[in-house]
Amino acid sequence: MESLIKAVRDTSTIFKAQIVAVIKPSDVIEREYLTALGKIYALGRIEKGRKRGDALKEIGNIRDEIRDAIVDTYKDFAGITNDLESPSATIRSQATALINPIKIEPR
């Protein structure tokens, strides 16, 4: 303890700020959950070979965060940027491998 007090009083001691924890606002947490839901939904639809347009129609009127996550997942994971293209067999297999440990059931 004495060493610590001495170091604090020593003018050559350099203090560096460091983040100990980040507390996210509740709206940020909710947005992350909505995005996660959209991504897992999209992966499930990709696994089944559904076109992006069909996946969006199936889910109906949804929050923008979920819709954006579906569109982004089709683009980033499957390389699909339009509503008419079907996922390839390779991409479908990759989606299956990714979500296989989790049982996803439609409600």
C-alpha atoms as a PDB file:
ATOM      1  CA  MET A   1       0.000   0.000   0.000  1.00  0.00           C
ATOM      2  CA  GLU A   2       2.824   2.370   0.808  1.00  0.00           C
ATOM      3  CA  SER A   3       4.335   1.737  -2.623  1.00  0.00           C
ATOM      4  CA  LEU A   4       1.069   2.658  -4.278  1.00  0.00           C
ATOM      5  CA  ILE A   5       0.736   5.888  -2.312  1.00  0.00           C
ATOM      6  CA  LYS A   6       4.335   6.765  -3.155  1.00  0.00           C
ATOM      7  CA  ALA A   7       3.719   6.083  -6.864  1.00  0.00           C
ATOM      8  CA  VAL A   8       0.622   8.290  -6.881  1.00  0.00           C
ATOM      9  CA  ARG A   9       2.545  11.174  -5.354  1.00  0.00           C
ATOM     10  CA  ASP A  10       5.546  10.729  -7.666  1.00  0.00           C
ATOM     11  CA  THR A  11       5.364  13.258 -10.533  1.00  0.00           C
ATOM     12  CA  SER A  12       7.031  10.795 -12.915  1.00  0.00           C
ATOM     13  CA  THR A  13       4.123   8.344 -12.538  1.00  0.00           C
ATOM     14  CA  ILE A  14       2.038   8.244 -15.714  1.00  0.00           C
ATOM     15  CA  PHE A  15      -1.637   7.351 -15.476  1.00  0.00           C
ATOM     16  CA  LYS A  16      -3.484   5.962 -18.474  1.00  0.00           C
ATOM     17  CA  ALA A  17      -7.256   5.894 -18.767  1.00  0.00           C
ATOM     18  CA  GLN A  18      -8.694   2.487 -19.515  1.00  0.00           C
ATOM     19  CA  ILE A  19     -12.297   1.463 -20.109  1.00  0.00           C
ATOM     20  CA  VAL A  20     -13.389  -1.049 -17.528  1.00  0.00           C
ATOM     21  CA  ALA A  21     -16.884  -1.666 -18.881  1.00  0.00           C
ATOM     22  CA  VAL A  22     -19.277  -0.355 -21.502  1.00  0.00           C
ATOM     23  CA  ILE A  23     -22.933  -0.037 -20.631  1.00  0.00           C
ATOM     24  CA  LYS A  24     -25.070  -0.075 -23.737  1.00  0.00           C
ATOM     25  CA  PRO A  25     -28.327   1.844 -23.837  1.00  0.00           C
ATOM     26  CA  SER A  26     -31.426  -0.368 -23.966  1.00  0.00           C
ATOM     27  CA  ASP A  27     -32.305   0.782 -27.505  1.00  0.00           C
ATOM     28  CA  VAL A  28     -28.882  -0.384 -28.731  1.00  0.00           C
ATOM     29  CA  ILE A  29     -29.380  -3.769 -27.089  1.00  0.00           C
ATOM     30  CA  GLU A  30     -32.846  -4.095 -28.626  1.00  0.00           C
ATOM     31  CA  ARG A  31     -31.461  -3.213 -32.075  1.00  0.00           C
ATOM     32  CA  GLU A  32     -28.767  -5.896 -31.691  1.00  0.00           C
ATOM     33  CA  TYR A  33     -31.410  -8.503 -30.810  1.00  0.00           C
ATOM     34  CA  LEU A  34     -33.597  -7.503 -33.750  1.00  0.00           C
ATOM     35  CA  THR A  35     -30.586  -7.733 -36.067  1.00  0.00           C
ATOM     36  CA  ALA A  36     -29.725 -11.173 -34.689  1.00  0.00           C
ATOM     37  CA  LEU A  37     -33.293 -12.345 -35.293  1.00  0.00           C
ATOM     38  CA  GLY A  38     -33.139 -11.150 -38.886  1.00  0.00           C
ATOM     39  CA  LYS A  39     -29.809 -12.864 -39.496  1.00  0.00           C
ATOM     40  CA  ILE A  40     -30.871 -16.221 -38.107  1.00  0.00           C
ATOM     41  CA  TYR A  41     -34.177 -16.045 -39.984  1.00  0.00           C
ATOM     42  CA  ALA A  42     -32.291 -15.311 -43.219  1.00  0.00           C
ATOM     43  CA  LEU A  43     -29.875 -18.183 -42.640  1.00  0.00           C
ATOM     44  CA  GLY A  44     -32.825 -20.526 -42.110  1.00  0.00           C
ATOM     45  CA  ARG A  45     -34.449 -19.358 -45.338  1.00  0.00           C
ATOM     46  CA  ILE A  46     -31.134 -19.622 -47.206  1.00  0.00           C
ATOM     47  CA  GLU A  47     -30.749 -23.165 -45.876  1.00  0.00           C
ATOM     48  CA  LYS A  48     -34.174 -24.010 -47.323  1.00  0.00           C
ATOM     49  CA  GLY A  49     -33.223 -22.499 -50.693  1.00  0.00           C
ATOM     50  CA  ARG A  50     -35.664 -19.577 -50.454  1.00  0.00           C
ATOM     51  CA  LYS A  51     -35.196 -16.500 -52.605  1.00  0.00           C
ATOM     52  CA  ARG A  52     -34.698 -13.227 -50.733  1.00  0.00           C
ATOM     53  CA  GLY A  53     -38.013 -11.866 -52.004  1.00  0.00           C
ATOM     54  CA  ASP A  54     -39.877 -14.953 -50.800  1.00  0.00           C
ATOM     55  CA  ALA A  55     -38.190 -14.778 -47.399  1.00  0.00           C
ATOM     56  CA  LEU A  56     -39.262 -11.153 -47.019  1.00  0.00           C
ATOM     57  CA  LYS A  57     -42.830 -11.942 -48.131  1.00  0.00           C
ATOM     58  CA  GLU A  58     -43.072 -14.871 -45.701  1.00  0.00           C
ATOM     59  CA  ILE A  59     -42.188 -12.705 -42.728  1.00  0.00           C
ATOM     60  CA  GLY A  60     -44.573  -9.902 -43.666  1.00  0.00           C
ATOM     61  CA  ASN A  61     -44.604  -6.473 -42.052  1.00  0.00           C
ATOM     62  CA  ILE A  62     -41.569  -6.305 -39.759  1.00  0.00           C
ATOM     63  CA  ARG A  63     -39.291  -3.790 -38.096  1.00  0.00           C
ATOM     64  CA  ASP A  64     -36.695  -2.154 -40.325  1.00  0.00           C
ATOM     65  CA  GLU A  65     -33.814  -3.620 -38.279  1.00  0.00           C
ATOM     66  CA  ILE A  66     -34.995  -7.161 -39.002  1.00  0.00           C
ATOM     67  CA  ARG A  67     -35.632  -6.455 -42.688  1.00  0.00           C
ATOM     68  CA  ASP A  68     -32.206  -4.822 -43.063  1.00  0.00           C
ATOM     69  CA  ALA A  69     -30.525  -7.796 -41.369  1.00  0.00           C
ATOM     70  CA  ILE A  70     -32.262 -10.227 -43.758  1.00  0.00           C
ATOM     71  CA  VAL A  71     -31.195  -8.212 -46.806  1.00  0.00           C
ATOM     72  CA  ASP A  72     -27.639  -7.874 -45.461  1.00  0.00           C
ATOM     73  CA  THR A  73     -27.365 -11.593 -44.686  1.00  0.00           C
ATOM     74  CA  TYR A  74     -28.507 -12.563 -48.159  1.00  0.00           C
ATOM     75  CA  LYS A  75     -25.935 -10.138 -49.574  1.00  0.00           C
ATOM     76  CA  ASP A  76     -23.011 -10.852 -47.229  1.00  0.00           C
ATOM     77  CA  PHE A  77     -23.488 -14.587 -46.686  1.00  0.00           C
ATOM     78  CA  ALA A  78     -25.013 -15.723 -49.963  1.00  0.00           C
ATOM     79  CA  GLY A  79     -23.875 -12.969 -52.342  1.00  0.00           C
ATOM     80  CA  ILE A  80     -27.507 -12.352 -53.323  1.00  0.00           C
ATOM     81  CA  THR A  81     -28.478  -8.765 -54.048  1.00  0.00           C
ATOM     82  CA  ASN A  82     -31.898  -9.213 -55.662  1.00  0.00           C
ATOM     83  CA  ASP A  83     -35.205 -10.786 -54.711  1.00  0.00           C
ATOM     84  CA  LEU A  84     -35.290 -13.359 -57.530  1.00  0.00           C
ATOM     85  CA  GLU A  85     -32.031 -15.279 -57.112  1.00  0.00           C
ATOM     86  CA  SER A  86     -31.988 -18.592 -55.242  1.00  0.00           C
ATOM     87  CA  PRO A  87     -29.101 -19.570 -52.964  1.00  0.00           C
ATOM     88  CA  SER A  88     -26.687 -22.066 -54.511  1.00  0.00           C
ATOM     89  CA  ALA A  89     -26.342 -25.600 -53.159  1.00  0.00           C
ATOM     90  CA  THR A  90     -22.927 -24.679 -51.742  1.00  0.00           C
ATOM     91  CA  ILE A  91     -24.304 -21.668 -49.875  1.00  0.00           C
ATOM     92  CA  ARG A  92     -27.237 -23.726 -48.608  1.00  0.00           C
ATOM     93  CA  SER A  93     -24.802 -26.317 -47.244  1.00  0.00           C
ATOM     94  CA  GLN A  94     -22.752 -23.601 -45.569  1.00  0.00           C
ATOM     95  CA  ALA A  95     -25.897 -22.190 -43.944  1.00  0.00           C
ATOM     96  CA  THR A  96     -26.822 -25.669 -42.724  1.00  0.00           C
ATOM     97  CA  ALA A  97     -23.369 -26.190 -41.236  1.00  0.00           C
ATOM     98  CA  LEU A  98     -23.512 -22.821 -39.512  1.00  0.00           C
ATOM     99  CA  ILE A  99     -26.947 -23.171 -37.910  1.00  0.00           C
ATOM    100  CA  ASN A 100     -26.983 -26.958 -37.505  1.00  0.00           C
ATOM    101  CA  PRO A 101     -26.115 -26.901 -33.765  1.00  0.00           C
ATOM    102  CA  ILE A 102     -29.255 -24.809 -33.128  1.00  0.00           C
ATOM    103  CA  LYS A 103     -32.778 -26.087 -33.639  1.00  0.00           C
ATOM    104  CA  ILE A 104     -34.724 -23.291 -35.280  1.00  0.00           C
ATOM    105  CA  GLU A 105     -38.460 -23.666 -35.414  1.00  0.00           C
ATOM    106  CA  PRO A 106     -40.878 -21.330 -37.105  1.00  0.00           C
ATOM    107  CA  ARG A 107     -43.579 -20.002 -34.828  1.00  0.00           C
END
